[in-house]
Amino acid sequence: MKHGGRWRYGCLPSGPGQALRLKRAILVIDRLRVVRHVAFPVLDIPQAVEDSPKAVRSLTR
């Protein structure tokens, strides 16, 4: 949904004249609000949820 000139809630236009569709992504963000890892598109939700903690552990080493 477009709000105040910015897209929010993970909605991205699919193309010209098409309806908005929800796109799944997983972001790992540190305390300073820096994106450290992105999983996109998320096709297998259980696998993506399992992989996210692995990404966090690899960043803390």
N, C-alpha and C. Protein backbone atom coordinates (compact mmCIF):
# COMPACT_ATOMS: atom_id res chain seq x y z
N MET A 1 0.84 -1.17 0.00
CA MET A 1 0.00 0.00 0.00
C MET A 1 0.89 1.24 0.00
N LYS A 2 0.55 2.19 -0.78
CA LYS A 2 1.34 3.41 -0.83
C LYS A 2 0.82 4.39 0.21
N HIS A 3 1.74 4.95 0.97
CA HIS A 3 1.36 5.86 2.05
C HIS A 3 2.38 6.98 2.13
N GLY A 4 1.98 8.20 1.93
CA GLY A 4 2.89 9.33 2.06
C GLY A 4 4.03 9.31 1.07
N GLY A 5 3.83 8.73 -0.11
CA GLY A 5 4.89 8.70 -1.11
C GLY A 5 5.88 7.57 -0.92
N ARG A 6 5.65 6.70 0.09
CA ARG A 6 6.57 5.59 0.34
C ARG A 6 5.78 4.28 0.38
N TRP A 7 6.41 3.20 -0.09
CA TRP A 7 5.77 1.88 -0.02
C TRP A 7 6.01 1.33 1.37
N ARG A 8 5.03 0.63 1.90
CA ARG A 8 5.18 0.07 3.23
C ARG A 8 4.59 -1.33 3.30
N TYR A 9 4.85 -2.02 4.38
CA TYR A 9 4.34 -3.36 4.64
C TYR A 9 4.79 -4.37 3.59
N GLY A 10 5.95 -4.20 3.00
CA GLY A 10 6.48 -5.18 2.07
C GLY A 10 5.75 -5.27 0.75
N CYS A 11 4.93 -4.30 0.42
CA CYS A 11 4.19 -4.34 -0.84
C CYS A 11 5.00 -3.66 -1.93
N LEU A 12 5.17 -4.36 -3.01
CA LEU A 12 5.89 -3.81 -4.15
C LEU A 12 5.02 -3.94 -5.39
N PRO A 13 5.07 -2.98 -6.29
CA PRO A 13 4.29 -3.13 -7.51
C PRO A 13 4.85 -4.27 -8.34
N SER A 14 3.97 -5.07 -8.94
CA SER A 14 4.40 -6.20 -9.76
C SER A 14 4.78 -5.76 -11.16
N GLY A 15 4.29 -4.64 -11.58
CA GLY A 15 4.59 -4.12 -12.91
C GLY A 15 3.61 -3.00 -13.22
N PRO A 16 3.78 -2.36 -14.36
CA PRO A 16 2.89 -1.26 -14.69
C PRO A 16 1.43 -1.72 -14.79
N GLY A 17 0.57 -1.03 -14.09
CA GLY A 17 -0.85 -1.32 -14.16
C GLY A 17 -1.30 -2.57 -13.43
N GLN A 18 -0.39 -3.24 -12.72
CA GLN A 18 -0.76 -4.45 -12.00
C GLN A 18 -1.01 -4.15 -10.53
N ALA A 19 -1.72 -5.02 -9.89
CA ALA A 19 -2.02 -4.87 -8.47
C ALA A 19 -0.76 -5.08 -7.63
N LEU A 20 -0.77 -4.53 -6.43
CA LEU A 20 0.34 -4.74 -5.52
C LEU A 20 0.27 -6.16 -4.97
N ARG A 21 1.42 -6.76 -4.78
CA ARG A 21 1.49 -8.11 -4.24
C ARG A 21 2.51 -8.13 -3.12
N LEU A 22 2.24 -8.94 -2.13
CA LEU A 22 3.14 -9.06 -0.99
C LEU A 22 4.37 -9.85 -1.40
N LYS A 23 5.54 -9.31 -1.10
CA LYS A 23 6.81 -9.99 -1.37
C LYS A 23 7.45 -10.32 -0.03
N ARG A 24 7.86 -11.56 0.14
CA ARG A 24 8.46 -11.98 1.40
C ARG A 24 9.97 -11.78 1.36
N ALA A 25 10.48 -11.23 2.45
CA ALA A 25 11.92 -11.06 2.61
C ALA A 25 12.25 -11.17 4.09
N ILE A 26 13.44 -11.64 4.39
CA ILE A 26 13.93 -11.68 5.76
C ILE A 26 15.18 -10.81 5.81
N LEU A 27 15.18 -9.84 6.73
CA LEU A 27 16.33 -8.95 6.91
C LEU A 27 16.92 -9.19 8.28
N VAL A 28 18.24 -9.27 8.34
CA VAL A 28 18.96 -9.31 9.61
C VAL A 28 19.61 -7.94 9.75
N ILE A 29 19.19 -7.20 10.79
CA ILE A 29 19.62 -5.82 10.99
C ILE A 29 20.30 -5.70 12.35
N ASP A 30 21.46 -5.03 12.40
CA ASP A 30 22.17 -4.88 13.67
C ASP A 30 21.63 -3.70 14.48
N ARG A 31 22.24 -3.47 15.64
CA ARG A 31 21.78 -2.40 16.54
C ARG A 31 21.89 -1.01 15.94
N LEU A 32 22.80 -0.85 14.99
CA LEU A 32 22.99 0.45 14.35
C LEU A 32 22.11 0.61 13.10
N ARG A 33 21.17 -0.31 12.94
CA ARG A 33 20.22 -0.29 11.82
C ARG A 33 20.89 -0.50 10.47
N VAL A 34 21.97 -1.30 10.47
CA VAL A 34 22.66 -1.65 9.24
C VAL A 34 22.18 -3.04 8.82
N VAL A 35 21.74 -3.18 7.58
CA VAL A 35 21.30 -4.47 7.07
C VAL A 35 22.53 -5.35 6.88
N ARG A 36 22.53 -6.49 7.56
CA ARG A 36 23.67 -7.40 7.51
C ARG A 36 23.43 -8.63 6.66
N HIS A 37 22.17 -8.98 6.44
CA HIS A 37 21.85 -10.17 5.64
C HIS A 37 20.44 -10.00 5.08
N VAL A 38 20.25 -10.43 3.84
CA VAL A 38 18.93 -10.37 3.20
C VAL A 38 18.64 -11.71 2.55
N ALA A 39 17.46 -12.23 2.79
CA ALA A 39 16.97 -13.42 2.09
C ALA A 39 15.76 -12.97 1.27
N PHE A 40 15.90 -12.96 -0.05
CA PHE A 40 14.82 -12.53 -0.92
C PHE A 40 14.96 -13.20 -2.28
N PRO A 41 13.94 -13.68 -2.86
CA PRO A 41 12.61 -13.89 -2.31
C PRO A 41 12.59 -15.11 -1.40
N VAL A 42 11.70 -15.12 -0.45
CA VAL A 42 11.55 -16.25 0.46
C VAL A 42 10.49 -17.16 -0.14
N LEU A 43 10.94 -18.28 -0.67
CA LEU A 43 10.02 -19.24 -1.29
C LEU A 43 9.67 -20.37 -0.32
N ASP A 44 10.63 -20.76 0.51
CA ASP A 44 10.43 -21.82 1.49
C ASP A 44 10.55 -21.19 2.87
N ILE A 45 9.42 -20.85 3.48
CA ILE A 45 9.43 -20.11 4.75
C ILE A 45 10.12 -20.89 5.87
N PRO A 46 9.80 -22.17 6.10
CA PRO A 46 10.49 -22.89 7.18
C PRO A 46 12.02 -22.93 7.00
N GLN A 47 12.47 -23.11 5.79
CA GLN A 47 13.91 -23.14 5.53
C GLN A 47 14.53 -21.76 5.76
N ALA A 48 13.86 -20.71 5.36
CA ALA A 48 14.37 -19.35 5.56
C ALA A 48 14.45 -19.01 7.04
N VAL A 49 13.45 -19.45 7.81
CA VAL A 49 13.47 -19.21 9.25
C VAL A 49 14.62 -19.99 9.90
N GLU A 50 14.91 -21.16 9.40
CA GLU A 50 16.02 -21.95 9.92
C GLU A 50 17.37 -21.34 9.55
N ASP A 51 17.47 -20.75 8.37
CA ASP A 51 18.74 -20.18 7.90
C ASP A 51 19.07 -18.83 8.54
N SER A 52 18.07 -18.08 8.96
CA SER A 52 18.31 -16.74 9.51
C SER A 52 19.20 -16.75 10.76
N PRO A 53 18.96 -17.61 11.75
CA PRO A 53 19.87 -17.64 12.90
C PRO A 53 21.30 -18.03 12.51
N LYS A 54 21.43 -18.87 11.48
CA LYS A 54 22.77 -19.22 10.99
C LYS A 54 23.49 -17.99 10.46
N ALA A 55 22.77 -17.14 9.76
CA ALA A 55 23.35 -15.90 9.24
C ALA A 55 23.78 -15.00 10.38
N VAL A 56 22.98 -14.91 11.42
CA VAL A 56 23.33 -14.08 12.57
C VAL A 56 24.59 -14.61 13.25
N ARG A 57 24.65 -15.93 13.44
CA ARG A 57 25.85 -16.52 14.08
C ARG A 57 27.09 -16.28 13.24
N SER A 58 26.97 -16.35 11.93
CA SER A 58 28.16 -16.13 11.08
C SER A 58 28.63 -14.69 11.14
N LEU A 59 27.73 -13.77 11.44
CA LEU A 59 28.11 -12.35 11.56
C LEU A 59 28.78 -12.02 12.89
N THR A 60 28.50 -12.80 13.92
CA THR A 60 29.04 -12.51 15.24
C THR A 60 30.44 -13.08 15.43
N ARG A 61 30.95 -13.79 14.46
CA ARG A 61 32.31 -14.37 14.57
C ARG A 61 33.35 -13.41 14.09
